[in-house]
PDB file of all heavy atoms in Angstrom:
ATOM      1  N   PRO A   1       0.798  -1.228   0.000  1.00  0.00           N
ATOM      2  CA  PRO A   1       0.000   0.000   0.000  1.00  0.00           C
ATOM      3  C   PRO A   1       0.833   1.282   0.000  1.00  0.00           C
ATOM      4  O   PRO A   1       0.316   2.353  -0.351  1.00  0.00           O
ATOM      5  CB  PRO A   1      -0.822  -0.124   1.294  1.00  0.00           C
ATOM      6  CG  PRO A   1      -0.913  -1.590   1.544  1.00  0.00           C
ATOM      7  CD  PRO A   1       0.445  -2.092   1.149  1.00  0.00           C
ATOM      8  N   TYR A   2       2.103   1.187   0.372  1.00  0.00           N
ATOM      9  CA  TYR A   2       2.968   2.364   0.405  1.00  0.00           C
ATOM     10  C   TYR A   2       3.752   2.581  -0.897  1.00  0.00           C
ATOM     11  O   TYR A   2       4.459   3.593  -1.023  1.00  0.00           O
ATOM     12  CB  TYR A   2       3.960   2.260   1.563  1.00  0.00           C
ATOM     13  CG  TYR A   2       3.421   2.742   2.890  1.00  0.00           C
ATOM     14  CD1 TYR A   2       3.181   1.848   3.930  1.00  0.00           C
ATOM     15  CD2 TYR A   2       3.150   4.092   3.108  1.00  0.00           C
ATOM     16  CE1 TYR A   2       2.688   2.278   5.156  1.00  0.00           C
ATOM     17  CE2 TYR A   2       2.657   4.539   4.326  1.00  0.00           C
ATOM     18  CZ  TYR A   2       2.425   3.633   5.350  1.00  0.00           C
ATOM     19  OH  TYR A   2       1.934   4.074   6.558  1.00  0.00           O
ATOM     20  N   ILE A   3       3.646   1.671  -1.850  1.00  0.00           N
ATOM     21  CA  ILE A   3       4.460   1.793  -3.064  1.00  0.00           C
ATOM     22  C   ILE A   3       4.202   3.115  -3.775  1.00  0.00           C
ATOM     23  O   ILE A   3       5.129   3.768  -4.273  1.00  0.00           O
ATOM     24  CB  ILE A   3       4.211   0.594  -4.011  1.00  0.00           C
ATOM     25  CG1 ILE A   3       4.848  -0.671  -3.420  1.00  0.00           C
ATOM     26  CG2 ILE A   3       4.798   0.861  -5.398  1.00  0.00           C
ATOM     27  CD1 ILE A   3       4.541  -1.940  -4.193  1.00  0.00           C
ATOM     28  N   ASP A   4       2.952   3.552  -3.803  1.00  0.00           N
ATOM     29  CA  ASP A   4       2.619   4.800  -4.483  1.00  0.00           C
ATOM     30  C   ASP A   4       2.731   6.021  -3.569  1.00  0.00           C
ATOM     31  O   ASP A   4       2.170   7.083  -3.863  1.00  0.00           O
ATOM     32  CB  ASP A   4       1.220   4.706  -5.093  1.00  0.00           C
ATOM     33  CG  ASP A   4       1.189   3.766  -6.298  1.00  0.00           C
ATOM     34  OD1 ASP A   4       2.147   3.788  -7.092  1.00  0.00           O
ATOM     35  OD2 ASP A   4       0.213   3.000  -6.444  1.00  0.00           O
ATOM     36  N   TYR A   5       3.441   5.876  -2.442  1.00  0.00           N
ATOM     37  CA  TYR A   5       3.812   6.997  -1.565  1.00  0.00           C
ATOM     38  C   TYR A   5       5.323   7.181  -1.680  1.00  0.00           C
ATOM     39  O   TYR A   5       6.087   6.688  -0.856  1.00  0.00           O
ATOM     40  CB  TYR A   5       3.438   6.697  -0.111  1.00  0.00           C
ATOM     41  CG  TYR A   5       1.962   6.762   0.203  1.00  0.00           C
ATOM     42  CD1 TYR A   5       1.081   5.803  -0.276  1.00  0.00           C
ATOM     43  CD2 TYR A   5       1.444   7.777   1.007  1.00  0.00           C
ATOM     44  CE1 TYR A   5      -0.270   5.850   0.012  1.00  0.00           C
ATOM     45  CE2 TYR A   5       0.090   7.832   1.318  1.00  0.00           C
ATOM     46  CZ  TYR A   5      -0.765   6.870   0.806  1.00  0.00           C
ATOM     47  OH  TYR A   5      -2.105   6.920   1.105  1.00  0.00           O
ATOM     48  N   PRO A   6       5.800   7.884  -2.718  1.00  0.00           N
ATOM     49  CA  PRO A   6       7.248   7.922  -2.996  1.00  0.00           C
ATOM     50  C   PRO A   6       8.090   8.523  -1.873  1.00  0.00           C
ATOM     51  O   PRO A   6       9.292   8.258  -1.784  1.00  0.00           O
ATOM     52  CB  PRO A   6       7.345   8.769  -4.279  1.00  0.00           C
ATOM     53  CG  PRO A   6       6.071   9.545  -4.338  1.00  0.00           C
ATOM     54  CD  PRO A   6       5.036   8.673  -3.700  1.00  0.00           C
ATOM     55  N   GLU A   7       7.466   9.310  -1.002  1.00  0.00           N
ATOM     56  CA  GLU A   7       8.227   9.908   0.097  1.00  0.00           C
ATOM     57  C   GLU A   7       8.538   8.912   1.207  1.00  0.00           C
ATOM     58  O   GLU A   7       9.357   9.179   2.089  1.00  0.00           O
ATOM     59  CB  GLU A   7       7.457  11.102   0.684  1.00  0.00           C
ATOM     60  CG  GLU A   7       6.193  10.744   1.464  1.00  0.00           C
ATOM     61  CD  GLU A   7       4.960  10.456   0.603  1.00  0.00           C
ATOM     62  OE1 GLU A   7       5.102  10.368  -0.637  1.00  0.00           O
ATOM     63  OE2 GLU A   7       3.864  10.323   1.177  1.00  0.00           O
ATOM     64  N   VAL A   8       7.893   7.742   1.175  1.00  0.00           N
ATOM     65  CA  VAL A   8       8.110   6.701   2.189  1.00  0.00           C
ATOM     66  C   VAL A   8       9.123   5.701   1.650  1.00  0.00           C
ATOM     67  O   VAL A   8       8.875   5.033   0.637  1.00  0.00           O
ATOM     68  CB  VAL A   8       6.794   5.991   2.555  1.00  0.00           C
ATOM     69  CG1 VAL A   8       7.048   4.888   3.580  1.00  0.00           C
ATOM     70  CG2 VAL A   8       5.765   6.991   3.083  1.00  0.00           C
ATOM     71  N   LYS A   9      10.264   5.582   2.315  1.00  0.00           N
ATOM     72  CA  LYS A   9      11.292   4.637   1.880  1.00  0.00           C
ATOM     73  C   LYS A   9      10.970   3.243   2.409  1.00  0.00           C
ATOM     74  O   LYS A   9      10.618   3.079   3.578  1.00  0.00           O
ATOM     75  CB  LYS A   9      12.676   5.089   2.370  1.00  0.00           C
ATOM     76  CG  LYS A   9      13.119   6.432   1.804  1.00  0.00           C
ATOM     77  CD  LYS A   9      14.478   6.839   2.349  1.00  0.00           C
ATOM     78  CE  LYS A   9      14.966   8.136   1.712  1.00  0.00           C
ATOM     79  NZ  LYS A   9      14.077   9.286   2.015  1.00  0.00           N
ATOM     80  N   LEU A  10      11.108   2.241   1.558  1.00  0.00           N
ATOM     81  CA  LEU A  10      10.806   0.857   1.908  1.00  0.00           C
ATOM     82  C   LEU A  10      12.109   0.081   2.018  1.00  0.00           C
ATOM     83  O   LEU A  10      12.937   0.103   1.098  1.00  0.00           O
ATOM     84  CB  LEU A  10       9.917   0.219   0.835  1.00  0.00           C
ATOM     85  CG  LEU A  10       8.633   0.984   0.470  1.00  0.00           C
ATOM     86  CD1 LEU A  10       7.876   0.265  -0.640  1.00  0.00           C
ATOM     87  CD2 LEU A  10       7.752   1.176   1.701  1.00  0.00           C
ATOM     88  N   VAL A  11      12.294  -0.592   3.155  1.00  0.00           N
ATOM     89  CA  VAL A  11      13.541  -1.325   3.402  1.00  0.00           C
ATOM     90  C   VAL A  11      13.220  -2.740   3.861  1.00  0.00           C
ATOM     91  O   VAL A  11      12.596  -2.940   4.906  1.00  0.00           O
ATOM     92  CB  VAL A  11      14.413  -0.631   4.473  1.00  0.00           C
ATOM     93  CG1 VAL A  11      15.739  -1.375   4.620  1.00  0.00           C
ATOM     94  CG2 VAL A  11      14.644   0.829   4.136  1.00  0.00           C
ATOM     95  N   GLY A  12      13.650  -3.718   3.075  1.00  0.00           N
ATOM     96  CA  GLY A  12      13.561  -5.116   3.480  1.00  0.00           C
ATOM     97  C   GLY A  12      14.879  -5.539   4.104  1.00  0.00           C
ATOM     98  O   GLY A  12      15.947  -5.063   3.704  1.00  0.00           O
ATOM     99  N   VAL A  13      14.800  -6.433   5.077  1.00  0.00           N
ATOM    100  CA  VAL A  13      16.001  -6.879   5.790  1.00  0.00           C
ATOM    101  C   VAL A  13      16.125  -8.388   5.683  1.00  0.00           C
ATOM    102  O   VAL A  13      15.261  -9.126   6.165  1.00  0.00           O
ATOM    103  CB  VAL A  13      15.973  -6.447   7.271  1.00  0.00           C
ATOM    104  CG1 VAL A  13      17.270  -6.862   7.959  1.00  0.00           C
ATOM    105  CG2 VAL A  13      15.760  -4.942   7.385  1.00  0.00           C
ATOM    106  N   GLU A  14      17.191  -8.831   5.033  1.00  0.00           N
ATOM    107  CA  GLU A  14      17.435 -10.262   4.843  1.00  0.00           C
ATOM    108  C   GLU A  14      18.295 -10.827   5.974  1.00  0.00           C
ATOM    109  O   GLU A  14      18.950 -10.083   6.717  1.00  0.00           O
ATOM    110  CB  GLU A  14      18.137 -10.502   3.510  1.00  0.00           C
ATOM    111  CG  GLU A  14      17.293 -10.156   2.295  1.00  0.00           C
ATOM    112  CD  GLU A  14      17.896 -10.734   1.027  1.00  0.00           C
ATOM    113  OE1 GLU A  14      18.971 -10.247   0.596  1.00  0.00           O
ATOM    114  OE2 GLU A  14      17.311 -11.666   0.468  1.00  0.00           O
ATOM    115  N   ALA A  15      18.310 -12.149   6.051  1.00  0.00           N
ATOM    116  CA  ALA A  15      19.069 -12.841   7.088  1.00  0.00           C
ATOM    117  C   ALA A  15      20.521 -13.003   6.659  1.00  0.00           C
ATOM    118  O   ALA A  15      20.826 -13.750   5.720  1.00  0.00           O
ATOM    119  CB  ALA A  15      18.447 -14.212   7.365  1.00  0.00           C
ATOM    120  N   GLY A  16      21.397 -12.315   7.379  1.00  0.00           N
ATOM    121  CA  GLY A  16      22.833 -12.405   7.078  1.00  0.00           C
ATOM    122  C   GLY A  16      23.515 -13.581   7.739  1.00  0.00           C
ATOM    123  O   GLY A  16      24.697 -13.836   7.466  1.00  0.00           O
ATOM    124  N   GLY A  17      22.804 -14.301   8.618  1.00  0.00           N
ATOM    125  CA  GLY A  17      23.377 -15.474   9.259  1.00  0.00           C
ATOM    126  C   GLY A  17      24.694 -15.165   9.941  1.00  0.00           C
ATOM    127  O   GLY A  17      24.805 -14.250  10.750  1.00  0.00           O
ATOM    128  N   GLN A  18      25.722 -15.909   9.559  1.00  0.00           N
ATOM    129  CA  GLN A  18      27.059 -15.702  10.104  1.00  0.00           C
ATOM    130  C   GLN A  18      27.899 -14.757   9.250  1.00  0.00           C
ATOM    131  O   GLN A  18      29.092 -14.585   9.488  1.00  0.00           O
ATOM    132  CB  GLN A  18      27.762 -17.057  10.258  1.00  0.00           C
ATOM    133  CG  GLN A  18      27.057 -17.969  11.252  1.00  0.00           C
ATOM    134  CD  GLN A  18      27.699 -19.338  11.331  1.00  0.00           C
ATOM    135  OE1 GLN A  18      28.863 -19.528  10.959  1.00  0.00           O
ATOM    136  NE2 GLN A  18      26.950 -20.316  11.823  1.00  0.00           N
ATOM    137  N   GLY A  19      27.253 -14.148   8.255  1.00  0.00           N
ATOM    138  CA  GLY A  19      27.950 -13.193   7.383  1.00  0.00           C
ATOM    139  C   GLY A  19      27.737 -13.550   5.926  1.00  0.00           C
ATOM    140  O   GLY A  19      27.824 -14.724   5.554  1.00  0.00           O
ATOM    141  N   ILE A  20      27.477 -12.533   5.086  1.00  0.00           N
ATOM    142  CA  ILE A  20      27.175 -12.845   3.678  1.00  0.00           C
ATOM    143  C   ILE A  20      28.424 -13.184   2.873  1.00  0.00           C
ATOM    144  O   ILE A  20      28.312 -13.559   1.706  1.00  0.00           O
ATOM    145  CB  ILE A  20      26.387 -11.712   2.997  1.00  0.00           C
ATOM    146  CG1 ILE A  20      27.143 -10.383   3.063  1.00  0.00           C
ATOM    147  CG2 ILE A  20      25.003 -11.583   3.615  1.00  0.00           C
ATOM    148  CD1 ILE A  20      26.476  -9.277   2.245  1.00  0.00           C
ATOM    149  N   ASP A  21      29.587 -13.077   3.487  1.00  0.00           N
ATOM    150  CA  ASP A  21      30.810 -13.537   2.816  1.00  0.00           C
ATOM    151  C   ASP A  21      31.182 -14.950   3.261  1.00  0.00           C
ATOM    152  O   ASP A  21      32.258 -15.445   2.928  1.00  0.00           O
ATOM    153  CB  ASP A  21      31.960 -12.571   3.090  1.00  0.00           C
ATOM    154  CG  ASP A  21      31.720 -11.207   2.463  1.00  0.00           C
ATOM    155  OD1 ASP A  21      31.152 -11.168   1.354  1.00  0.00           O
ATOM    156  OD2 ASP A  21      32.073 -10.185   3.083  1.00  0.00           O
ATOM    157  N   THR A  22      30.279 -15.581   4.024  1.00  0.00           N
ATOM    158  CA  THR A  22      30.421 -16.991   4.400  1.00  0.00           C
ATOM    159  C   THR A  22      29.323 -17.780   3.689  1.00  0.00           C
ATOM    160  O   THR A  22      28.414 -17.198   3.102  1.00  0.00           O
ATOM    161  CB  THR A  22      30.258 -17.175   5.928  1.00  0.00           C
ATOM    162  OG1 THR A  22      28.856 -17.099   6.261  1.00  0.00           O
ATOM    163  CG2 THR A  22      31.026 -16.125   6.705  1.00  0.00           C
ATOM    164  N   PRO A  23      29.364 -19.111   3.747  1.00  0.00           N
ATOM    165  CA  PRO A  23      28.270 -19.895   3.152  1.00  0.00           C
ATOM    166  C   PRO A  23      27.029 -19.948   4.039  1.00  0.00           C
ATOM    167  O   PRO A  23      26.045 -20.579   3.668  1.00  0.00           O
ATOM    168  CB  PRO A  23      28.888 -21.296   3.026  1.00  0.00           C
ATOM    169  CG  PRO A  23      30.345 -21.160   3.282  1.00  0.00           C
ATOM    170  CD  PRO A  23      30.488 -19.965   4.164  1.00  0.00           C
ATOM    171  N   TYR A  24      27.053 -19.287   5.201  1.00  0.00           N
ATOM    172  CA  TYR A  24      26.009 -19.480   6.206  1.00  0.00           C
ATOM    173  C   TYR A  24      25.123 -18.240   6.344  1.00  0.00           C
ATOM    174  O   TYR A  24      25.236 -17.460   7.299  1.00  0.00           O
ATOM    175  CB  TYR A  24      26.642 -19.854   7.552  1.00  0.00           C
ATOM    176  CG  TYR A  24      27.546 -21.053   7.443  1.00  0.00           C
ATOM    177  CD1 TYR A  24      28.933 -20.896   7.487  1.00  0.00           C
ATOM    178  CD2 TYR A  24      27.026 -22.336   7.258  1.00  0.00           C
ATOM    179  CE1 TYR A  24      29.778 -21.992   7.356  1.00  0.00           C
ATOM    180  CE2 TYR A  24      27.858 -23.434   7.128  1.00  0.00           C
ATOM    181  CZ  TYR A  24      29.229 -23.259   7.178  1.00  0.00           C
ATOM    182  OH  TYR A  24      30.056 -24.344   7.038  1.00  0.00           O
ATOM    183  N   HIS A  25      24.276 -18.038   5.354  1.00  0.00           N
ATOM    184  CA  HIS A  25      23.332 -16.925   5.380  1.00  0.00           C
ATOM    185  C   HIS A  25      22.152 -17.278   4.473  1.00  0.00           C
ATOM    186  O   HIS A  25      22.115 -18.345   3.858  1.00  0.00           O
ATOM    187  CB  HIS A  25      24.006 -15.630   4.918  1.00  0.00           C
ATOM    188  CG  HIS A  25      24.469 -15.644   3.495  1.00  0.00           C
ATOM    189  ND1 HIS A  25      23.632 -15.378   2.432  1.00  0.00           N
ATOM    190  CD2 HIS A  25      25.683 -15.929   2.954  1.00  0.00           C
ATOM    191  CE1 HIS A  25      24.319 -15.474   1.298  1.00  0.00           C
ATOM    192  NE2 HIS A  25      25.559 -15.814   1.593  1.00  0.00           N
ATOM    193  N   ALA A  26      21.172 -16.359   4.401  1.00  0.00           N
ATOM    194  CA  ALA A  26      20.001 -16.583   3.550  1.00  0.00           C
ATOM    195  C   ALA A  26      19.622 -15.281   2.837  1.00  0.00           C
ATOM    196  O   ALA A  26      18.450 -14.948   2.706  1.00  0.00           O
ATOM    197  CB  ALA A  26      18.837 -17.100   4.387  1.00  0.00           C
ATOM    198  N   ALA A  27      20.630 -14.558   2.370  1.00  0.00           N
ATOM    199  CA  ALA A  27      20.415 -13.258   1.734  1.00  0.00           C
ATOM    200  C   ALA A  27      20.266 -13.425   0.224  1.00  0.00           C
ATOM    201  O   ALA A  27      21.174 -13.116  -0.551  1.00  0.00           O
ATOM    202  CB  ALA A  27      21.571 -12.316   2.077  1.00  0.00           C
ATOM    203  N   SER A  28      19.114 -13.888  -0.205  1.00  0.00           N
ATOM    204  CA  SER A  28      18.902 -14.234  -1.609  1.00  0.00           C
ATOM    205  C   SER A  28      18.981 -13.029  -2.535  1.00  0.00           C
ATOM    206  O   SER A  28      19.533 -13.122  -3.638  1.00  0.00           O
ATOM    207  CB  SER A  28      17.531 -14.899  -1.780  1.00  0.00           C
ATOM    208  OG  SER A  28      17.395 -16.000  -0.927  1.00  0.00           O
ATOM    209  N   ILE A  29      18.414 -11.899  -2.123  1.00  0.00           N
ATOM    210  CA  ILE A  29      18.429 -10.722  -2.997  1.00  0.00           C
ATOM    211  C   ILE A  29      19.849 -10.171  -3.105  1.00  0.00           C
ATOM    212  O   ILE A  29      20.305  -9.793  -4.187  1.00  0.00           O
ATOM    213  CB  ILE A  29      17.466  -9.644  -2.478  1.00  0.00           C
ATOM    214  CG1 ILE A  29      16.021 -10.142  -2.568  1.00  0.00           C
ATOM    215  CG2 ILE A  29      17.626  -8.341  -3.258  1.00  0.00           C
ATOM    216  CD1 ILE A  29      14.987  -9.142  -2.082  1.00  0.00           C
ATOM    217  N   ASN A  30      20.578 -10.135  -1.995  1.00  0.00           N
ATOM    218  CA  ASN A  30      21.914  -9.543  -1.983  1.00  0.00           C
ATOM    219  C   ASN A  30      23.000 -10.464  -2.514  1.00  0.00           C
ATOM    220  O   ASN A  30      24.028  -9.976  -2.995  1.00  0.00           O
ATOM    221  CB  ASN A  30      22.258  -9.104  -0.557  1.00  0.00           C
ATOM    222  CG  ASN A  30      21.575  -7.809  -0.171  1.00  0.00           C
ATOM    223  OD1 ASN A  30      22.036  -6.732  -0.514  1.00  0.00           O
ATOM    224  ND2 ASN A  30      20.445  -7.908   0.528  1.00  0.00           N
ATOM    225  N   ARG A  31      22.792 -11.777  -2.417  1.00  0.00           N
ATOM    226  CA  ARG A  31      23.845 -12.704  -2.828  1.00  0.00           C
ATOM    227  C   ARG A  31      23.368 -13.809  -3.774  1.00  0.00           C
ATOM    228  O   ARG A  31      24.149 -14.658  -4.175  1.00  0.00           O
ATOM    229  CB  ARG A  31      24.492 -13.352  -1.600  1.00  0.00           C
ATOM    230  CG  ARG A  31      25.478 -12.451  -0.853  1.00  0.00           C
ATOM    231  CD  ARG A  31      26.703 -12.188  -1.705  1.00  0.00           C
ATOM    232  NE  ARG A  31      27.745 -11.475  -0.984  1.00  0.00           N
ATOM    233  CZ  ARG A  31      27.858 -10.147  -0.946  1.00  0.00           C
ATOM    234  NH1 ARG A  31      26.965  -9.400  -1.581  1.00  0.00           N
ATOM    235  NH2 ARG A  31      28.846  -9.568  -0.276  1.00  0.00           N
ATOM    236  N   GLY A  32      22.114 -13.780  -4.155  1.00  0.00           N
ATOM    237  CA  GLY A  32      21.602 -14.818  -5.042  1.00  0.00           C
ATOM    238  C   GLY A  32      21.809 -14.492  -6.512  1.00  0.00           C
ATOM    239  O   GLY A  32      22.356 -13.451  -6.875  1.00  0.00           O
ATOM    240  N   GLN A  33      21.353 -15.412  -7.350  1.00  0.00           N
ATOM    241  CA  GLN A  33      21.381 -15.231  -8.803  1.00  0.00           C
ATOM    242  C   GLN A  33      19.989 -15.523  -9.340  1.00  0.00           C
ATOM    243  O   GLN A  33      19.206 -16.245  -8.727  1.00  0.00           O
ATOM    244  CB  GLN A  33      22.391 -16.182  -9.444  1.00  0.00           C
ATOM    245  CG  GLN A  33      23.817 -16.001  -8.966  1.00  0.00           C
ATOM    246  CD  GLN A  33      24.746 -17.080  -9.508  1.00  0.00           C
ATOM    247  OE1 GLN A  33      24.289 -18.052 -10.107  1.00  0.00           O
ATOM    248  NE2 GLN A  33      26.035 -16.918  -9.292  1.00  0.00           N
ATOM    249  N   VAL A  34      19.686 -14.974 -10.507  1.00  0.00           N
ATOM    250  CA  VAL A  34      18.379 -15.227 -11.101  1.00  0.00           C
ATOM    251  C   VAL A  34      18.243 -16.717 -11.413  1.00  0.00           C
ATOM    252  O   VAL A  34      19.134 -17.334 -12.004  1.00  0.00           O
ATOM    253  CB  VAL A  34      18.190 -14.402 -12.386  1.00  0.00           C
ATOM    254  CG1 VAL A  34      16.860 -14.746 -13.051  1.00  0.00           C
ATOM    255  CG2 VAL A  34      18.249 -12.911 -12.070  1.00  0.00           C
ATOM    256  N   GLY A  35      17.145 -17.298 -10.969  1.00  0.00           N
ATOM    257  CA  GLY A  35      16.893 -18.710 -11.207  1.00  0.00           C
ATOM    258  C   GLY A  35      15.426 -19.019 -10.974  1.00  0.00           C
ATOM    259  O   GLY A  35      14.620 -18.121 -10.715  1.00  0.00           O
ATOM    260  N   VAL A  36      15.090 -20.277 -11.078  1.00  0.00           N
ATOM    261  CA  VAL A  36      13.711 -20.722 -10.870  1.00  0.00           C
ATOM    262  C   VAL A  36      13.672 -21.601  -9.629  1.00  0.00           C
ATOM    263  O   VAL A  36      14.457 -22.538  -9.493  1.00  0.00           O
ATOM    264  CB  VAL A  36      13.179 -21.493 -12.088  1.00  0.00           C
ATOM    265  CG1 VAL A  36      11.815 -22.114 -11.789  1.00  0.00           C
ATOM    266  CG2 VAL A  36      13.075 -20.564 -13.288  1.00  0.00           C
ATOM    267  N   LEU A  37      12.771 -21.270  -8.714  1.00  0.00           N
ATOM    268  CA  LEU A  37      12.602 -22.046  -7.492  1.00  0.00           C
ATOM    269  C   LEU A  37      11.126 -22.086  -7.146  1.00  0.00           C
ATOM    270  O   LEU A  37      10.463 -21.050  -7.127  1.00  0.00           O
ATOM    271  CB  LEU A  37      13.395 -21.402  -6.341  1.00  0.00           C
ATOM    272  CG  LEU A  37      13.296 -22.107  -4.975  1.00  0.00           C
ATOM    273  CD1 LEU A  37      13.954 -23.482  -5.028  1.00  0.00           C
ATOM    274  CD2 LEU A  37      13.934 -21.250  -3.882  1.00  0.00           C
ATOM    275  N   HIS A  38      10.637 -23.276  -6.881  1.00  0.00           N
ATOM    276  CA  HIS A  38       9.254 -23.473  -6.449  1.00  0.00           C
ATOM    277  C   HIS A  38       8.258 -22.746  -7.352  1.00  0.00           C
ATOM    278  O   HIS A  38       7.334 -22.088  -6.892  1.00  0.00           O
ATOM    279  CB  HIS A  38       9.092 -23.046  -4.991  1.00  0.00           C
ATOM    280  CG  HIS A  38       9.908 -23.879  -4.056  1.00  0.00           C
ATOM    281  ND1 HIS A  38      10.595 -23.350  -2.986  1.00  0.00           N
ATOM    282  CD2 HIS A  38      10.176 -25.216  -4.043  1.00  0.00           C
ATOM    283  CE1 HIS A  38      11.244 -24.320  -2.358  1.00  0.00           C
ATOM    284  NE2 HIS A  38      11.006 -25.454  -2.981  1.00  0.00           N
ATOM    285  N   GLY A  39       8.497 -22.876  -8.649  1.00  0.00           N
ATOM    286  CA  GLY A  39       7.494 -22.453  -9.621  1.00  0.00           C
ATOM    287  C   GLY A  39       7.549 -21.019 -10.070  1.00  0.00           C
ATOM    288  O   GLY A  39       6.666 -20.572 -10.810  1.00  0.00           O
ATOM    289  N   ASN A  40       8.565 -20.251  -9.638  1.00  0.00           N
ATOM    290  CA  ASN A  40       8.648 -18.858 -10.096  1.00  0.00           C
ATOM    291  C   ASN A  40      10.096 -18.454 -10.332  1.00  0.00           C
ATOM    292  O   ASN A  40      11.012 -19.015  -9.735  1.00  0.00           O
ATOM    293  CB  ASN A  40       7.981 -17.913  -9.094  1.00  0.00           C
ATOM    294  CG  ASN A  40       8.766 -17.770  -7.798  1.00  0.00           C
ATOM    295  OD1 ASN A  40       9.392 -16.753  -7.518  1.00  0.00           O
ATOM    296  ND2 ASN A  40       8.737 -18.809  -6.971  1.00  0.00           N
ATOM    297  N   ARG A  41      10.281 -17.467 -11.226  1.00  0.00           N
ATOM    298  CA  ARG A  41      11.625 -16.937 -11.473  1.00  0.00           C
ATOM    299  C   ARG A  41      11.888 -15.829 -10.466  1.00  0.00           C
ATOM    300  O   ARG A  41      11.100 -14.892 -10.333  1.00  0.00           O
ATOM    301  CB  ARG A  41      11.747 -16.386 -12.887  1.00  0.00           C
ATOM    302  CG  ARG A  41      13.165 -15.870 -13.190  1.00  0.00           C
ATOM    303  CD  ARG A  41      13.277 -15.193 -14.525  1.00  0.00           C
ATOM    304  NE  ARG A  41      13.254 -16.149 -15.618  1.00  0.00           N
ATOM    305  CZ  ARG A  41      12.337 -16.193 -16.571  1.00  0.00           C
ATOM    306  NH1 ARG A  41      11.339 -15.324 -16.541  1.00  0.00           N
ATOM    307  NH2 ARG A  41      12.391 -17.077 -17.541  1.00  0.00           N
ATOM    308  N   THR A  42      13.027 -15.948  -9.780  1.00  0.00           N
ATOM    309  CA  THR A  42      13.336 -15.002  -8.726  1.00  0.00           C
ATOM    310  C   THR A  42      14.842 -15.019  -8.491  1.00  0.00           C
ATOM    311  O   THR A  42      15.604 -15.537  -9.320  1.00  0.00           O
ATOM    312  CB  THR A  42      12.539 -15.359  -7.439  1.00  0.00           C
ATOM    313  OG1 THR A  42      12.786 -14.357  -6.455  1.00  0.00           O
ATOM    314  CG2 THR A  42      12.912 -16.727  -6.897  1.00  0.00           C
ATOM    315  N   MET A  43      15.294 -14.476  -7.374  1.00  0.00           N
ATOM    316  CA  MET A  43      16.693 -14.579  -6.987  1.00  0.00           C
ATOM    317  C   MET A  43      16.840 -15.781  -6.058  1.00  0.00           C
ATOM    318  O   MET A  43      16.081 -15.910  -5.084  1.00  0.00           O
ATOM    319  CB  MET A  43      17.168 -13.318  -6.271  1.00  0.00           C
ATOM    320  CG  MET A  43      17.133 -12.067  -7.139  1.00  0.00           C
ATOM    321  SD  MET A  43      18.268 -12.145  -8.542  1.00  0.00           S
ATOM    322  CE  MET A  43      19.831 -11.846  -7.711  1.00  0.00           C
ATOM    323  N   VAL A  44      17.812 -16.625  -6.367  1.00  0.00           N
ATOM    324  CA  VAL A  44      17.951 -17.909  -5.680  1.00  0.00           C
ATOM    325  C   VAL A  44      19.393 -18.085  -5.221  1.00  0.00           C
ATOM    326  O   VAL A  44      20.336 -17.738  -5.944  1.00  0.00           O
ATOM    327  CB  VAL A  44      17.563 -19.083  -6.619  1.00  0.00           C
ATOM    328  CG1 VAL A  44      17.654 -20.418  -5.888  1.00  0.00           C
ATOM    329  CG2 VAL A  44      16.162 -18.878  -7.189  1.00  0.00           C
ATOM    330  N   MET A  45      19.559 -18.624  -4.028  1.00  0.00           N
ATOM    331  CA  MET A  45      20.879 -19.024  -3.563  1.00  0.00           C
ATOM    332  C   MET A  45      21.247 -20.327  -4.267  1.00  0.00           C
ATOM    333  O   MET A  45      20.705 -21.381  -3.953  1.00  0.00           O
ATOM    334  CB  MET A  45      20.863 -19.222  -2.049  1.00  0.00           C
ATOM    335  CG  MET A  45      20.570 -17.967  -1.246  1.00  0.00           C
ATOM    336  SD  MET A  45      21.824 -16.699  -1.450  1.00  0.00           S
ATOM    337  CE  MET A  45      23.262 -17.599  -0.877  1.00  0.00           C
TER     338      MET A  45
END
């Protein structure tokens, strides 16, 4: 509902786990690649 309120900044927070430079995290948007998972094209680890 806030997408069309440009003055409101939207921030999503992903799970960095033990650090995104380690194999132990779940930051798909920040460290994933485009792929297909569970029926949709998205960013995938």
